[in-house]
């Protein structure tokens, strides 16, 4: 089973059901991955999603990635990739997969650039962050292509168009 805990700081659009959006994004990403078994597991797997401001993400990005700027999403996995298959052996029946943190200003600016709503872009970023939690990365071109393919597949299940499509004006 999966549980998505969402913390929302001031400024995020209050008309959006962020808890449902985050749960759908996490679930969609897991479903298209080799870690889909987590969704039906007897143990409780938790993902924490924090919707915050650019300043907090900037500070975290500087502290943990040595990048002195805000970014759209940060992911902090709590389970080593090679241990994901053994999660069913958890002693307490609960596993924290990790934390996903989104920066509101960056998210809104990128959404405007892409011509999508901030909620749609946040869905993409949460799915992207979820894949990071289960071991995916995009440092090398082949890794990036594979991760983007999984993101496209996950978002398609939610009726969201390819976020990497190049649109000619």
C-alpha atoms as a PDB file:
ATOM      1  CA  UNK A   1       0.000   0.000   0.000  1.00  0.00           C
ATOM      2  CA  UNK A   2       1.090   3.535  -0.580  1.00  0.00           C
ATOM      3  CA  UNK A   3       0.445   6.587   1.543  1.00  0.00           C
ATOM      4  CA  UNK A   4       1.286  10.056   0.340  1.00  0.00           C
ATOM      5  CA  UNK A   5       1.636  12.690   3.039  1.00  0.00           C
ATOM      6  CA  UNK A   6       1.382  16.233   1.702  1.00  0.00           C
ATOM      7  CA  UNK A   7       2.494  19.444   3.399  1.00  0.00           C
ATOM      8  CA  UNK A   8       1.398  22.675   1.744  1.00  0.00           C
ATOM      9  CA  UNK A   9       2.951  26.030   2.505  1.00  0.00           C
ATOM     10  CA  UNK A  10       1.145  29.305   1.842  1.00  0.00           C
ATOM     11  CA  UNK A  11       0.819  30.492  -1.723  1.00  0.00           C
ATOM     12  CA  UNK A  12      -0.080  27.249  -3.457  1.00  0.00           C
ATOM     13  CA  UNK A  13      -3.458  27.386  -5.242  1.00  0.00           C
ATOM     14  CA  UNK A  14      -6.024  26.450  -2.593  1.00  0.00           C
ATOM     15  CA  UNK A  15      -8.592  25.357  -5.190  1.00  0.00           C
ATOM     16  CA  UNK A  16      -6.426  22.344  -6.106  1.00  0.00           C
ATOM     17  CA  UNK A  17      -6.815  19.088  -4.189  1.00  0.00           C
ATOM     18  CA  UNK A  18      -3.057  18.696  -3.719  1.00  0.00           C
ATOM     19  CA  UNK A  19      -3.336  15.515  -1.654  1.00  0.00           C
ATOM     20  CA  UNK A  20      -5.278  13.732  -4.384  1.00  0.00           C
ATOM     21  CA  UNK A  21      -3.021  15.153  -7.112  1.00  0.00           C
ATOM     22  CA  UNK A  22       0.132  14.006  -5.304  1.00  0.00           C
ATOM     23  CA  UNK A  23      -1.307  10.544  -4.595  1.00  0.00           C
ATOM     24  CA  UNK A  24      -2.290  10.111  -8.243  1.00  0.00           C
ATOM     25  CA  UNK A  25       1.135  11.243  -9.471  1.00  0.00           C
ATOM     26  CA  UNK A  26       3.043   8.946  -7.097  1.00  0.00           C
ATOM     27  CA  UNK A  27       0.760   6.011  -7.891  1.00  0.00           C
ATOM     28  CA  UNK A  28       1.021   6.558 -11.657  1.00  0.00           C
ATOM     29  CA  UNK A  29       4.824   6.675 -11.514  1.00  0.00           C
ATOM     30  CA  UNK A  30       5.034   3.512  -9.434  1.00  0.00           C
ATOM     31  CA  UNK A  31       2.555   1.667 -11.694  1.00  0.00           C
ATOM     32  CA  UNK A  32       4.742   2.074 -14.788  1.00  0.00           C
ATOM     33  CA  UNK A  33       7.936   1.106 -12.977  1.00  0.00           C
ATOM     34  CA  UNK A  34       9.411  -2.241 -11.990  1.00  0.00           C
ATOM     35  CA  UNK A  35       8.520  -1.244  -8.406  1.00  0.00           C
ATOM     36  CA  UNK A  36       4.748  -1.424  -9.042  1.00  0.00           C
ATOM     37  CA  UNK A  37       4.579  -4.219  -6.454  1.00  0.00           C
ATOM     38  CA  UNK A  38       4.865  -1.529  -3.760  1.00  0.00           C
ATOM     39  CA  UNK A  39       1.273  -0.475  -4.515  1.00  0.00           C
ATOM     40  CA  UNK A  40      -0.120  -3.887  -3.553  1.00  0.00           C
ATOM     41  CA  UNK A  41       2.318  -4.705  -0.765  1.00  0.00           C
ATOM     42  CA  UNK A  42       1.211  -5.657   2.740  1.00  0.00           C
ATOM     43  CA  UNK A  43       3.500  -3.056   4.242  1.00  0.00           C
ATOM     44  CA  UNK A  44       2.778   0.669   4.124  1.00  0.00           C
ATOM     45  CA  UNK A  45       5.127   2.624   1.891  1.00  0.00           C
ATOM     46  CA  UNK A  46       5.071   6.371   2.468  1.00  0.00           C
ATOM     47  CA  UNK A  47       6.112   9.236   0.243  1.00  0.00           C
ATOM     48  CA  UNK A  48       6.238  12.717   1.706  1.00  0.00           C
ATOM     49  CA  UNK A  49       5.465  15.607  -0.655  1.00  0.00           C
ATOM     50  CA  UNK A  50       6.193  19.155   0.460  1.00  0.00           C
ATOM     51  CA  UNK A  51       4.892  22.079  -1.563  1.00  0.00           C
ATOM     52  CA  UNK A  52       6.937  25.069  -0.475  1.00  0.00           C
ATOM     53  CA  UNK A  53       8.557  28.247  -1.732  1.00  0.00           C
ATOM     54  CA  UNK A  54      11.662  28.921  -3.795  1.00  0.00           C
ATOM     55  CA  UNK A  55      13.668  30.098  -0.787  1.00  0.00           C
ATOM     56  CA  UNK A  56      13.358  26.788   1.046  1.00  0.00           C
ATOM     57  CA  UNK A  57      14.199  24.773  -2.060  1.00  0.00           C
ATOM     58  CA  UNK A  58      17.119  27.115  -2.775  1.00  0.00           C
ATOM     59  CA  UNK A  59      18.521  26.477   0.711  1.00  0.00           C
ATOM     60  CA  UNK A  60      18.080  22.697   0.376  1.00  0.00           C
ATOM     61  CA  UNK A  61      19.599  22.693  -3.104  1.00  0.00           C
ATOM     62  CA  UNK A  62      22.611  24.621  -1.816  1.00  0.00           C
ATOM     63  CA  UNK A  63      23.011  22.383   1.233  1.00  0.00           C
ATOM     64  CA  UNK A  64      22.543  18.973  -0.381  1.00  0.00           C
ATOM     65  CA  UNK A  65      23.520  19.487  -4.021  1.00  0.00           C
ATOM     66  CA  UNK A  66      25.930  22.446  -3.740  1.00  0.00           C
ATOM     67  CA  UNK A  67      23.831  24.362  -6.285  1.00  0.00           C
ATOM     68  CA  UNK A  68      23.173  27.925  -5.164  1.00  0.00           C
ATOM     69  CA  UNK A  69      19.780  28.407  -6.805  1.00  0.00           C
ATOM     70  CA  UNK A  70      16.225  27.193  -6.495  1.00  0.00           C
ATOM     71  CA  UNK A  71      15.149  24.261  -8.638  1.00  0.00           C
ATOM     72  CA  UNK A  72      11.730  22.887  -9.514  1.00  0.00           C
ATOM     73  CA  UNK A  73      11.846  19.628  -7.526  1.00  0.00           C
ATOM     74  CA  UNK A  74      14.155  17.888  -5.100  1.00  0.00           C
ATOM     75  CA  UNK A  75      13.936  14.228  -4.144  1.00  0.00           C
ATOM     76  CA  UNK A  76      15.477  12.618  -1.103  1.00  0.00           C
ATOM     77  CA  UNK A  77      15.311   8.804  -1.292  1.00  0.00           C
ATOM     78  CA  UNK A  78      15.275   6.979   2.043  1.00  0.00           C
ATOM     79  CA  UNK A  79      15.746   3.451   0.692  1.00  0.00           C
ATOM     80  CA  UNK A  80      18.817   2.368  -1.238  1.00  0.00           C
ATOM     81  CA  UNK A  81      17.923   1.230  -4.748  1.00  0.00           C
ATOM     82  CA  UNK A  82      19.372  -2.255  -4.188  1.00  0.00           C
ATOM     83  CA  UNK A  83      17.125  -2.735  -1.136  1.00  0.00           C
ATOM     84  CA  UNK A  84      13.816  -1.904  -2.844  1.00  0.00           C
ATOM     85  CA  UNK A  85      13.076  -5.536  -3.735  1.00  0.00           C
ATOM     86  CA  UNK A  86      13.433  -6.571  -0.075  1.00  0.00           C
ATOM     87  CA  UNK A  87      10.969  -4.042   1.360  1.00  0.00           C
ATOM     88  CA  UNK A  88       8.472  -6.782   2.209  1.00  0.00           C
ATOM     89  CA  UNK A  89      10.874  -7.864   4.937  1.00  0.00           C
ATOM     90  CA  UNK A  90      10.406  -4.599   6.832  1.00  0.00           C
ATOM     91  CA  UNK A  91      10.171  -5.228  10.581  1.00  0.00           C
ATOM     92  CA  UNK A  92       7.535  -2.640  11.406  1.00  0.00           C
ATOM     93  CA  UNK A  93       5.337  -2.842   8.313  1.00  0.00           C
ATOM     94  CA  UNK A  94       6.161   0.723   7.277  1.00  0.00           C
ATOM     95  CA  UNK A  95       8.738   2.056   4.857  1.00  0.00           C
ATOM     96  CA  UNK A  96       9.474   5.694   4.105  1.00  0.00           C
ATOM     97  CA  UNK A  97      10.440   5.777   0.423  1.00  0.00           C
ATOM     98  CA  UNK A  98      11.477   9.411   0.682  1.00  0.00           C
ATOM     99  CA  UNK A  99      10.663  13.080   0.344  1.00  0.00           C
ATOM    100  CA  UNK A 100       9.731  15.144  -2.707  1.00  0.00           C
ATOM    101  CA  UNK A 101       9.883  18.927  -2.414  1.00  0.00           C
ATOM    102  CA  UNK A 102       8.525  21.388  -4.993  1.00  0.00           C
ATOM    103  CA  UNK A 103       9.284  25.106  -5.301  1.00  0.00           C
ATOM    104  CA  UNK A 104       6.140  27.106  -6.050  1.00  0.00           C
ATOM    105  CA  UNK A 105       7.716  30.004  -7.977  1.00  0.00           C
ATOM    106  CA  UNK A 106       9.848  27.790 -10.190  1.00  0.00           C
ATOM    107  CA  UNK A 107       6.918  25.432 -10.773  1.00  0.00           C
ATOM    108  CA  UNK A 108       4.591  28.283 -11.726  1.00  0.00           C
ATOM    109  CA  UNK A 109       7.158  29.905 -14.058  1.00  0.00           C
ATOM    110  CA  UNK A 110       7.894  26.611 -15.810  1.00  0.00           C
ATOM    111  CA  UNK A 111       4.175  25.860 -16.141  1.00  0.00           C
ATOM    112  CA  UNK A 112       3.630  29.263 -17.773  1.00  0.00           C
ATOM    113  CA  UNK A 113       6.533  28.637 -20.165  1.00  0.00           C
ATOM    114  CA  UNK A 114       5.044  25.260 -21.117  1.00  0.00           C
ATOM    115  CA  UNK A 115       1.496  26.597 -21.412  1.00  0.00           C
ATOM    116  CA  UNK A 116       0.101  24.234 -18.772  1.00  0.00           C
ATOM    117  CA  UNK A 117      -1.448  24.803 -15.389  1.00  0.00           C
ATOM    118  CA  UNK A 118       0.765  24.761 -12.291  1.00  0.00           C
ATOM    119  CA  UNK A 119      -1.208  21.716 -11.102  1.00  0.00           C
ATOM    120  CA  UNK A 120      -0.408  19.828 -14.308  1.00  0.00           C
ATOM    121  CA  UNK A 121       3.265  20.725 -14.073  1.00  0.00           C
ATOM    122  CA  UNK A 122       3.339  19.802 -10.378  1.00  0.00           C
ATOM    123  CA  UNK A 123       1.859  16.403 -11.277  1.00  0.00           C
ATOM    124  CA  UNK A 124       4.757  15.881 -13.680  1.00  0.00           C
ATOM    125  CA  UNK A 125       7.312  17.003 -11.097  1.00  0.00           C
ATOM    126  CA  UNK A 126       5.879  14.684  -8.435  1.00  0.00           C
ATOM    127  CA  UNK A 127       5.933  11.728 -10.846  1.00  0.00           C
ATOM    128  CA  UNK A 128       9.525  12.676 -11.747  1.00  0.00           C
ATOM    129  CA  UNK A 129      10.440  12.907  -8.070  1.00  0.00           C
ATOM    130  CA  UNK A 130       8.859   9.536  -7.359  1.00  0.00           C
ATOM    131  CA  UNK A 131      11.030   7.900 -10.002  1.00  0.00           C
ATOM    132  CA  UNK A 132      14.082   9.421  -8.318  1.00  0.00           C
ATOM    133  CA  UNK A 133      12.942   7.852  -5.031  1.00  0.00           C
ATOM    134  CA  UNK A 134      13.027   4.397  -6.587  1.00  0.00           C
ATOM    135  CA  UNK A 135      16.441   4.749  -8.161  1.00  0.00           C
ATOM    136  CA  UNK A 136      16.005   6.495 -11.498  1.00  0.00           C
ATOM    137  CA  UNK A 137      18.278   9.317 -12.573  1.00  0.00           C
ATOM    138  CA  UNK A 138      19.019  11.384 -15.648  1.00  0.00           C
ATOM    139  CA  UNK A 139      22.743  12.029 -15.459  1.00  0.00           C
ATOM    140  CA  UNK A 140      23.537  10.062 -18.626  1.00  0.00           C
ATOM    141  CA  UNK A 141      21.569  10.378 -21.872  1.00  0.00           C
ATOM    142  CA  UNK A 142      20.330   6.780 -21.832  1.00  0.00           C
ATOM    143  CA  UNK A 143      19.180   7.116 -18.203  1.00  0.00           C
ATOM    144  CA  UNK A 144      17.392  10.368 -19.031  1.00  0.00           C
ATOM    145  CA  UNK A 145      15.605   8.832 -22.017  1.00  0.00           C
ATOM    146  CA  UNK A 146      14.436   5.848 -19.961  1.00  0.00           C
ATOM    147  CA  UNK A 147      13.248   8.055 -17.099  1.00  0.00           C
ATOM    148  CA  UNK A 148      11.440  10.404 -19.501  1.00  0.00           C
ATOM    149  CA  UNK A 149       9.719   7.410 -21.144  1.00  0.00           C
ATOM    150  CA  UNK A 150       8.456   6.293 -17.732  1.00  0.00           C
ATOM    151  CA  UNK A 151       7.264   9.825 -16.960  1.00  0.00           C
ATOM    152  CA  UNK A 152       5.405  10.013 -20.284  1.00  0.00           C
ATOM    153  CA  UNK A 153       3.746   6.649 -19.595  1.00  0.00           C
ATOM    154  CA  UNK A 154       2.755   7.633 -16.060  1.00  0.00           C
ATOM    155  CA  UNK A 155       1.362  10.997 -17.107  1.00  0.00           C
ATOM    156  CA  UNK A 156      -0.533   9.460 -20.023  1.00  0.00           C
ATOM    157  CA  UNK A 157      -2.465   7.321 -17.521  1.00  0.00           C
ATOM    158  CA  UNK A 158      -3.584  10.613 -15.940  1.00  0.00           C
ATOM    159  CA  UNK A 159      -4.542  12.197 -19.266  1.00  0.00           C
ATOM    160  CA  UNK A 160      -1.538  14.535 -19.286  1.00  0.00           C
ATOM    161  CA  UNK A 161       0.297  15.184 -22.545  1.00  0.00           C
ATOM    162  CA  UNK A 162       3.987  14.507 -23.089  1.00  0.00           C
ATOM    163  CA  UNK A 163       5.823  17.150 -21.044  1.00  0.00           C
ATOM    164  CA  UNK A 164       8.925  16.746 -23.209  1.00  0.00           C
ATOM    165  CA  UNK A 165       7.221  17.254 -26.565  1.00  0.00           C
ATOM    166  CA  UNK A 166       8.768  20.055 -28.575  1.00  0.00           C
ATOM    167  CA  UNK A 167       6.108  22.430 -29.795  1.00  0.00           C
ATOM    168  CA  UNK A 168       6.890  24.496 -32.868  1.00  0.00           C
ATOM    169  CA  UNK A 169       5.304  27.932 -32.870  1.00  0.00           C
END
